[in-house]
Amino acid sequence: MNILILGSGGREYSIGLALHKEEKHTLYFCPGNGATNNLGENINIKDYNELAFWAKEKEINLTIVGPEAPLTEGVVDIFKANNLVIFGPSKDAARLEGSKVYMKNILKKYNIPTARFIETDKFEDAKSFIDTLTAPIVVKADGLCGGKGVIIANSKEEAEEAVSDMLSGSSFGDAGLKVVVEEFLDGYELSMFAICDGDDFILLPAAQDHKRIGDGDTGPNTGGMGAYAPTPLVDDELYEKVKQRIVRPTLDGMKQENAPFEGVLFIGVMVVGGEPYTLEFNVRFGDPECEILMPLLKTPVSELFYKGATKDLSNLKIEFLPKFAVGVVMASKNYPYSNSDAAEIIVDKIVDNDLIENSHISYAGVTFEDDKLFATGGRVLVCVGLGLSIKEARDRAYGLCGQVHFAGKKLRSDIAYQALR
């Protein structure tokens, strides 16, 4: 197939790498990064109508959308209007991520378990609700904030201040002009991903990611410093609860809203006393979770996405490798505080067959100039290790980390610690 992948990060690289290994596709990335051109061809067309025209000219058989912005801007609707096969939700369905207010109201309307909440654009209403809660308290900006629009306040005063800053526009601009305030759920968090075709879905192995910059979950939140899957914190009973109480009613509800959900439904799950609650929905793969889920698929990735895009998931027998995957993010020197200077990336020649066969790099914030690869983004790359145990996978991921060098590289040393405690 001729396949187009929209996006430029490690998520899109990892999807491309999985497709590249099938050895039967021609891949294009828009815009891609400095390493995706080793897997296919990078193009840079910013207008979605122009991109759809290009896709028809190139006879693209399948388009896969990586990040949330093109989805909330309606790229899927444009491609479908041009009779192109594309994997991802419509603009209406993408509101599950584009608006936290919309998402929470869907959860409430269709009785999907979530934290008690209020959505409002009035400070006094938020303050009255905050007075009914005990700290910590969660405050969320309504719109897209690049994963940064959630504040966990440690006091009522701090929560009120966060609400005030959002509603005034000083925190997150227009994205914060409406807020969600909700009770804090005390449990353990999971990342779960359902591949959906509007009617049917396939739930992938549950992952856990590590949001904070420092070991032991210290320091500020990031886009994610590493992840592992599958997590031993999930058993068959919990999977079934997530399917029946969260994914199924969400798909049925979205059909009733005339916005059937197709694509990847990311569910941020909080498990409290063995019961799953919905923290958030995203409408695309998480990053770095995507980097560890792709290599666990035994079923060809192209089949999964194509059948998801053509309402044919019921005819797909999904299989996973009996392995674990651990991904360790290498970030640039000043991440997540500020931009860093470009730094050349040197990867030692790997002679260990064990590492060659059971680990790989997914590149993200990189550019390619003068036959050299440079770290130019916040999260630069992910070292992924596979193994028959989490420890084996983690050892291989960190073994690969030791082969990668660039000035100021930053990484956590404790990825997957929850599972190895």
Protein backbone atom coordinates (compact mmCIF):
# COMPACT_ATOMS: atom_id res chain seq x y z
CA MET A 1 0.00 0.00 0.00
CA ASN A 2 0.90 3.66 -0.37
CA ILE A 3 0.58 5.02 3.17
CA LEU A 4 0.70 8.62 4.42
CA ILE A 5 1.45 9.34 8.09
CA LEU A 6 0.65 12.81 9.45
CA GLY A 7 2.92 14.09 12.22
CA SER A 8 6.56 14.52 13.14
CA GLY A 9 7.19 12.88 16.50
CA GLY A 10 8.28 9.57 17.97
CA ARG A 11 4.71 8.31 17.74
CA GLU A 12 4.67 8.77 13.98
CA TYR A 13 8.19 7.37 13.59
CA SER A 14 7.21 4.22 15.53
CA ILE A 15 4.11 3.68 13.38
CA GLY A 16 6.26 4.16 10.29
CA LEU A 17 8.91 1.75 11.62
CA ALA A 18 6.30 -0.97 12.22
CA LEU A 19 4.93 -0.48 8.68
CA HIS A 20 8.45 -0.37 7.21
CA LYS A 21 9.19 -3.79 8.73
CA GLU A 22 6.30 -5.28 6.75
CA GLU A 23 8.45 -4.62 3.66
CA LYS A 24 5.53 -4.09 1.29
CA HIS A 25 4.52 -0.45 1.62
CA THR A 26 5.62 2.91 0.24
CA LEU A 27 5.60 5.40 3.12
CA TYR A 28 5.19 9.17 3.16
CA PHE A 29 5.41 11.44 6.23
CA CYS A 30 3.92 14.93 6.52
CA PRO A 31 5.99 16.66 7.72
CA GLY A 32 8.02 13.86 9.35
CA ASN A 33 11.34 14.47 11.11
CA GLY A 34 15.04 14.15 10.38
CA ALA A 35 14.92 10.35 10.74
CA THR A 36 11.61 9.41 9.08
CA ASN A 37 13.21 9.93 5.67
CA ASN A 38 15.07 6.66 6.36
CA LEU A 39 11.69 4.92 6.35
CA GLY A 40 9.99 6.80 3.53
CA GLU A 41 9.68 10.24 1.97
CA ASN A 42 9.03 13.44 3.90
CA ILE A 43 6.66 15.98 2.38
CA ASN A 44 5.57 19.35 3.75
CA ILE A 45 2.06 20.40 2.72
CA LYS A 46 0.29 22.47 5.36
CA ASP A 47 -3.12 22.97 3.71
CA TYR A 48 -5.33 19.91 4.23
CA ASN A 49 -7.28 20.39 0.99
CA GLU A 50 -4.02 20.58 -0.92
CA LEU A 51 -2.77 17.51 0.97
CA ALA A 52 -5.91 15.56 0.03
CA PHE A 53 -5.35 16.49 -3.62
CA TRP A 54 -1.74 15.30 -3.34
CA ALA A 55 -2.92 12.03 -1.74
CA LYS A 56 -5.27 11.37 -4.67
CA GLU A 57 -2.52 12.13 -7.16
CA LYS A 58 -0.15 9.73 -5.34
CA GLU A 59 -2.88 7.08 -5.03
CA ILE A 60 -2.52 6.92 -1.25
CA ASN A 61 -4.39 3.84 0.02
CA LEU A 62 -4.35 4.75 3.71
CA THR A 63 -3.65 7.88 5.74
CA ILE A 64 -2.86 7.60 9.47
CA VAL A 65 -3.15 10.73 11.62
CA GLY A 66 -0.73 10.89 14.57
CA PRO A 67 -1.25 14.14 16.56
CA GLU A 68 -4.43 15.72 17.86
CA ALA A 69 -4.26 19.11 16.12
CA PRO A 70 -5.07 17.91 12.55
CA LEU A 71 -7.92 15.80 13.97
CA THR A 72 -9.55 18.67 15.86
CA GLU A 73 -9.06 20.84 12.74
CA GLY A 74 -11.03 18.39 10.58
CA VAL A 75 -8.43 16.68 8.35
CA VAL A 76 -10.42 13.42 8.46
CA ASP A 77 -13.58 15.11 7.17
CA ILE A 78 -11.64 16.67 4.28
CA PHE A 79 -10.01 13.38 3.28
CA LYS A 80 -13.30 11.47 3.47
CA ALA A 81 -15.01 14.12 1.34
CA ASN A 82 -12.34 13.26 -1.25
CA ASN A 83 -13.10 9.51 -0.97
CA LEU A 84 -9.76 8.81 0.70
CA VAL A 85 -9.30 6.12 3.36
CA ILE A 86 -8.07 7.76 6.57
CA PHE A 87 -7.66 6.43 10.11
CA GLY A 88 -8.79 8.88 12.77
CA PRO A 89 -11.92 10.54 14.19
CA SER A 90 -13.99 13.24 12.52
CA LYS A 91 -13.78 16.82 13.74
CA ASP A 92 -16.98 16.30 15.76
CA ALA A 93 -15.71 13.10 17.39
CA ALA A 94 -12.30 14.67 18.08
CA ARG A 95 -14.05 17.05 20.50
CA LEU A 96 -13.53 14.26 23.06
CA GLU A 97 -9.99 15.63 23.28
CA GLY A 98 -10.50 19.12 21.89
CA SER A 99 -12.85 20.11 24.73
CA LYS A 100 -12.61 18.72 28.26
CA VAL A 101 -16.04 20.22 28.97
CA TYR A 102 -17.54 18.27 26.06
CA MET A 103 -15.76 15.08 27.15
CA LYS A 104 -16.92 15.31 30.78
CA ASN A 105 -20.50 15.98 29.69
CA ILE A 106 -20.41 12.89 27.45
CA LEU A 107 -19.21 10.84 30.42
CA LYS A 108 -22.01 12.26 32.58
CA LYS A 109 -24.72 11.81 29.95
CA TYR A 110 -23.89 8.16 29.26
CA ASN A 111 -23.13 7.16 32.86
CA ILE A 112 -19.45 6.43 32.28
CA PRO A 113 -17.49 6.34 35.58
CA THR A 114 -15.51 9.54 36.22
CA ALA A 115 -14.64 11.94 39.02
CA ARG A 116 -17.30 14.31 40.39
CA PHE A 117 -16.92 17.63 38.55
CA ILE A 118 -18.26 21.03 37.52
CA GLU A 119 -17.69 22.78 34.19
CA THR A 120 -18.04 26.54 34.17
CA ASP A 121 -16.79 29.89 32.92
CA LYS A 122 -17.73 31.64 36.17
CA PHE A 123 -15.25 31.96 39.03
CA GLU A 124 -17.91 32.04 41.76
CA ASP A 125 -19.45 28.75 40.58
CA ALA A 126 -16.03 27.12 40.53
CA LYS A 127 -15.25 28.51 44.01
CA SER A 128 -18.52 27.15 45.43
CA PHE A 129 -17.72 23.69 44.06
CA ILE A 130 -14.12 23.85 45.33
CA ASP A 131 -15.53 24.51 48.82
CA THR A 132 -17.25 21.08 48.70
CA LEU A 133 -13.99 19.24 47.94
CA THR A 134 -10.94 18.26 49.93
CA ALA A 135 -7.44 18.84 48.54
CA PRO A 136 -5.81 17.88 46.28
CA ILE A 137 -8.17 19.29 43.65
CA VAL A 138 -7.91 18.97 39.88
CA VAL A 139 -8.37 22.02 37.63
CA LYS A 140 -8.40 21.60 33.84
CA ALA A 141 -8.46 24.10 31.00
CA ASP A 142 -11.18 23.22 28.50
CA GLY A 143 -9.18 23.35 25.25
CA LEU A 144 -5.99 21.87 23.84
CA CYS A 145 -2.89 22.88 25.80
CA GLY A 146 -0.30 20.44 24.47
CA GLY A 147 -0.78 18.16 27.47
CA LYS A 148 -0.14 20.98 29.95
CA GLY A 149 -3.65 22.20 30.80
CA VAL A 150 -4.15 20.19 34.01
CA ILE A 151 -3.29 21.57 37.46
CA ILE A 152 -3.35 19.40 40.59
CA ALA A 153 -3.81 21.93 43.37
CA ASN A 154 -2.68 21.02 46.88
CA SER A 155 -5.07 23.44 48.60
CA LYS A 156 -8.40 25.13 47.97
CA GLU A 157 -6.62 28.47 47.65
CA GLU A 158 -4.27 27.06 45.02
CA ALA A 159 -7.25 25.62 43.11
CA GLU A 160 -9.03 28.99 43.17
CA GLU A 161 -5.89 30.69 41.91
CA ALA A 162 -5.57 28.18 39.06
CA VAL A 163 -9.21 28.76 38.07
CA SER A 164 -8.75 32.53 38.21
CA ASP A 165 -5.61 32.40 36.04
CA MET A 166 -7.34 30.19 33.46
CA LEU A 167 -10.58 32.17 33.24
CA SER A 168 -8.68 35.44 32.89
CA GLY A 169 -6.76 33.99 29.92
CA SER A 170 -3.37 34.48 31.58
CA SER A 171 -2.61 30.73 31.93
CA PHE A 172 -3.65 29.07 28.68
CA GLY A 173 -5.20 31.81 26.57
CA ASP A 174 -8.52 30.95 24.94
CA ALA A 175 -8.13 27.27 25.90
CA GLY A 176 -8.75 28.19 29.54
CA LEU A 177 -11.77 30.45 29.19
CA LYS A 178 -13.90 27.55 30.38
CA VAL A 179 -12.68 25.17 33.07
CA VAL A 180 -13.40 21.80 34.60
CA VAL A 181 -12.89 21.42 38.34
CA GLU A 182 -13.05 17.88 39.68
CA GLU A 183 -12.36 15.77 42.72
CA PHE A 184 -8.98 14.07 42.95
CA LEU A 185 -9.12 10.30 42.54
CA ASP A 186 -6.54 8.45 44.64
CA GLY A 187 -5.44 5.24 42.94
CA TYR A 188 -3.06 4.16 40.21
CA GLU A 189 -3.14 5.44 36.65
CA LEU A 190 -3.12 3.47 33.41
CA SER A 191 -2.95 4.35 29.72
CA MET A 192 -5.36 2.23 27.69
CA PHE A 193 -5.95 2.41 23.95
CA ALA A 194 -8.91 1.18 21.94
CA ILE A 195 -8.72 0.91 18.16
CA CYS A 196 -12.26 1.83 17.04
CA ASP A 197 -14.20 1.73 13.77
CA GLY A 198 -17.38 3.43 14.99
CA ASP A 199 -19.08 0.14 15.91
CA ASP A 200 -16.41 -2.29 17.06
CA PHE A 201 -13.18 -1.89 18.99
CA ILE A 202 -10.01 -3.72 20.00
CA LEU A 203 -8.44 -2.91 23.37
CA LEU A 204 -4.64 -2.97 23.29
CA PRO A 205 -2.43 -4.06 26.24
CA ALA A 206 -2.48 -1.54 29.07
CA ALA A 207 0.56 0.69 29.52
CA GLN A 208 1.92 2.95 32.23
CA ASP A 209 3.86 6.08 31.43
CA HIS A 210 6.07 8.35 33.54
CA LYS A 211 5.08 12.01 33.25
CA ARG A 212 7.47 13.74 35.63
CA ILE A 213 10.96 14.75 34.59
CA GLY A 214 12.88 13.19 37.50
CA ASP A 215 13.44 9.78 39.05
CA GLY A 216 10.86 8.77 41.62
CA ASP A 217 8.24 10.91 39.84
CA THR A 218 9.76 14.22 40.94
CA GLY A 219 9.84 17.60 39.22
CA PRO A 220 7.44 19.09 36.66
CA ASN A 221 5.19 17.15 34.31
CA THR A 222 6.40 16.46 30.79
CA GLY A 223 4.90 14.90 27.68
CA GLY A 224 6.23 11.59 29.04
CA MET A 225 9.71 10.36 29.96
CA GLY A 226 9.12 6.66 29.36
CA ALA A 227 6.56 3.88 29.41
CA TYR A 228 6.15 0.14 29.61
CA ALA A 229 3.54 -2.43 28.57
CA PRO A 230 1.76 -4.61 29.31
CA THR A 231 1.49 -3.68 32.97
CA PRO A 232 0.95 -6.44 35.57
CA LEU A 233 -1.44 -4.07 37.37
CA VAL A 234 -4.24 -5.12 34.99
CA ASP A 235 -5.99 -8.49 34.99
CA ASP A 236 -8.73 -9.90 32.74
CA GLU A 237 -11.44 -8.65 35.09
CA LEU A 238 -10.21 -5.06 34.91
CA TYR A 239 -9.89 -5.21 31.10
CA GLU A 240 -13.50 -6.40 30.95
CA LYS A 241 -14.68 -3.57 33.22
CA VAL A 242 -12.95 -0.99 31.00
CA LYS A 243 -14.50 -2.53 27.89
CA GLN A 244 -18.05 -2.72 29.26
CA ARG A 245 -18.19 0.39 31.45
CA ILE A 246 -16.06 2.85 29.45
CA VAL A 247 -15.32 1.93 25.82
CA ARG A 248 -18.63 0.34 24.80
CA PRO A 249 -20.90 3.09 26.25
CA THR A 250 -18.61 5.75 24.76
CA LEU A 251 -18.89 4.28 21.25
CA ASP A 252 -22.66 3.82 21.62
CA GLY A 253 -23.00 7.35 23.00
CA MET A 254 -20.97 8.94 20.22
CA LYS A 255 -23.21 7.23 17.63
CA GLN A 256 -26.22 8.76 19.40
CA GLU A 257 -24.45 12.14 19.20
CA ASN A 258 -24.13 11.63 15.40
CA ALA A 259 -20.35 11.63 15.81
CA PRO A 260 -19.37 7.94 15.60
CA PHE A 261 -15.86 7.43 16.91
CA GLU A 262 -13.28 5.98 14.56
CA GLY A 263 -9.55 5.89 15.26
CA VAL A 264 -7.60 5.54 18.51
CA LEU A 265 -9.45 6.26 21.73
CA PHE A 266 -6.91 6.85 24.48
CA ILE A 267 -8.40 6.37 27.93
CA GLY A 268 -6.58 7.78 30.92
CA VAL A 269 -7.84 5.35 33.57
CA MET A 270 -7.57 5.76 37.34
CA VAL A 271 -8.11 2.51 39.24
CA VAL A 272 -9.58 3.10 42.70
CA GLY A 273 -10.28 0.03 44.81
CA GLY A 274 -10.23 -2.18 41.74
CA GLU A 275 -12.75 -0.02 39.86
CA PRO A 276 -11.82 1.95 36.70
CA TYR A 277 -12.66 5.65 36.40
CA THR A 278 -12.15 7.80 33.31
CA LEU A 279 -9.66 10.63 33.86
CA GLU A 280 -9.55 11.81 30.26
CA PHE A 281 -9.95 10.86 26.64
CA ASN A 282 -7.47 11.61 23.88
CA VAL A 283 -8.28 10.84 20.27
CA ARG A 284 -4.87 9.52 19.23
CA PHE A 285 -2.03 7.40 20.54
CA GLY A 286 -0.09 8.62 23.53
CA ASP A 287 3.59 9.34 23.16
CA PRO A 288 5.71 7.46 24.34
CA GLU A 289 3.08 4.70 24.75
CA CYS A 290 2.77 4.28 20.98
CA GLU A 291 6.50 3.51 20.75
CA ILE A 292 6.12 0.48 23.05
CA LEU A 293 2.78 -0.79 21.75
CA MET A 294 3.72 -0.96 18.06
CA PRO A 295 6.48 -3.59 18.53
CA LEU A 296 4.15 -5.77 20.66
CA LEU A 297 1.75 -6.29 17.75
CA LYS A 298 2.03 -9.64 15.99
CA THR A 299 -0.88 -8.72 13.68
CA PRO A 300 0.40 -6.50 10.84
CA VAL A 301 -0.04 -2.86 11.83
CA SER A 302 -1.29 -2.03 8.32
CA GLU A 303 -4.21 -4.46 8.74
CA LEU A 304 -5.17 -3.01 12.11
CA PHE A 305 -5.27 0.57 10.84
CA TYR A 306 -6.84 -0.24 7.48
CA LYS A 307 -9.65 -2.32 9.00
CA GLY A 308 -10.16 0.39 11.62
CA ALA A 309 -10.50 2.98 8.84
CA THR A 310 -12.91 0.85 6.77
CA LYS A 311 -15.29 -0.37 9.52
CA ASP A 312 -13.98 -3.93 9.34
CA LEU A 313 -12.48 -4.60 12.77
CA SER A 314 -14.95 -7.42 13.43
CA ASN A 315 -13.11 -9.44 10.77
CA LEU A 316 -9.66 -8.95 12.31
CA LYS A 317 -8.06 -11.52 14.58
CA ILE A 318 -5.71 -9.47 16.73
CA GLU A 319 -2.55 -11.11 18.07
CA PHE A 320 0.20 -9.77 20.32
CA LEU A 321 3.71 -11.05 20.91
CA PRO A 322 4.15 -12.76 24.33
CA LYS A 323 6.63 -10.06 25.34
CA PHE A 324 7.03 -6.87 27.32
CA ALA A 325 8.28 -3.53 26.00
CA VAL A 326 9.97 -0.68 27.86
CA GLY A 327 10.69 2.71 26.32
CA VAL A 328 13.09 5.27 27.81
CA VAL A 329 12.89 8.84 26.54
CA MET A 330 16.07 10.81 25.96
CA ALA A 331 15.35 14.52 26.21
CA SER A 332 17.42 17.60 25.49
CA LYS A 333 19.32 19.52 28.16
CA ASN A 334 16.75 22.18 29.10
CA TYR A 335 13.58 20.08 28.72
CA PRO A 336 10.87 20.78 29.86
CA TYR A 337 11.82 24.32 30.87
CA SER A 338 13.09 25.86 27.63
CA ASN A 339 14.56 25.12 24.22
CA SER A 340 18.07 23.66 23.97
CA ASP A 341 20.85 24.22 21.46
CA ALA A 342 21.05 21.70 18.62
CA ALA A 343 23.40 18.82 19.44
CA GLU A 344 24.79 16.16 17.13
CA ILE A 345 23.59 12.62 17.93
CA ILE A 346 26.17 9.85 17.88
CA VAL A 347 24.99 6.23 18.04
CA ASP A 348 27.73 3.69 18.69
CA LYS A 349 27.90 0.71 16.36
CA ILE A 350 25.98 -2.00 18.21
CA VAL A 351 27.76 -5.35 18.16
CA ASP A 352 25.68 -7.12 20.81
CA ASN A 353 23.29 -9.42 18.88
CA ASP A 354 20.90 -9.40 21.83
CA LEU A 355 20.52 -5.62 21.56
CA ILE A 356 20.37 -5.72 17.75
CA GLU A 357 17.48 -8.18 17.80
CA ASN A 358 15.57 -6.88 20.83
CA SER A 359 15.91 -3.10 20.87
CA HIS A 360 15.55 -0.10 18.58
CA ILE A 361 15.37 3.70 18.59
CA SER A 362 12.25 5.71 17.73
CA TYR A 363 13.31 9.22 16.75
CA ALA A 364 11.27 12.33 17.57
CA GLY A 365 12.85 15.79 17.98
CA VAL A 366 15.60 15.41 15.38
CA THR A 367 16.74 17.09 12.17
CA PHE A 368 19.09 15.79 9.46
CA GLU A 369 21.76 18.11 8.06
CA ASP A 370 25.06 17.45 6.26
CA ASP A 371 24.63 13.68 6.72
CA LYS A 372 24.36 14.14 10.48
CA LEU A 373 21.46 13.74 12.89
CA PHE A 374 20.89 16.53 15.43
CA ALA A 375 18.81 16.71 18.59
CA THR A 376 16.59 19.76 18.12
CA GLY A 377 13.41 18.97 20.05
CA GLY A 378 12.52 18.60 23.70
CA ARG A 379 12.01 14.86 23.64
CA VAL A 380 14.65 13.69 21.19
CA LEU A 381 14.20 9.92 20.91
CA VAL A 382 12.98 6.79 22.68
CA CYS A 383 15.15 3.73 23.30
CA VAL A 384 12.84 0.69 23.21
CA GLY A 385 13.71 -2.74 24.61
CA LEU A 386 11.72 -5.98 24.27
CA GLY A 387 11.93 -9.01 26.54
CA LEU A 388 10.15 -11.99 28.06
CA SER A 389 9.97 -10.05 31.34
CA ILE A 390 9.73 -6.37 32.18
CA LYS A 391 13.20 -6.50 33.71
CA GLU A 392 14.69 -8.03 30.57
CA ALA A 393 12.99 -5.42 28.38
CA ARG A 394 14.13 -2.62 30.69
CA ASP A 395 17.73 -3.85 30.77
CA ARG A 396 17.80 -3.85 26.96
CA ALA A 397 16.24 -0.38 26.73
CA TYR A 398 18.87 1.05 29.09
CA GLY A 399 21.59 -0.95 27.32
CA LEU A 400 20.61 0.86 24.13
CA CYS A 401 20.56 4.20 25.96
CA GLY A 402 24.23 3.65 26.73
CA GLN A 403 25.00 3.56 23.01
CA VAL A 404 23.40 6.96 22.28
CA HIS A 405 25.26 10.22 22.89
CA PHE A 406 24.50 13.93 22.47
CA ALA A 407 25.40 17.00 24.50
CA GLY A 408 23.09 17.55 27.46
CA LYS A 409 21.12 14.32 27.07
CA LYS A 410 18.62 13.81 29.90
CA LEU A 411 16.82 10.62 30.89
CA ARG A 412 15.23 8.93 33.88
CA SER A 413 16.93 5.86 35.34
CA ASP A 414 13.81 4.26 36.86
CA ILE A 415 11.34 3.64 34.02
CA ALA A 416 8.98 0.73 34.87
CA TYR A 417 9.86 0.95 38.57
CA GLN A 418 6.18 0.46 39.49
CA ALA A 419 6.20 -3.03 38.00
CA LEU A 420 9.60 -3.99 39.42
CA ARG A 421 9.11 -2.83 43.00
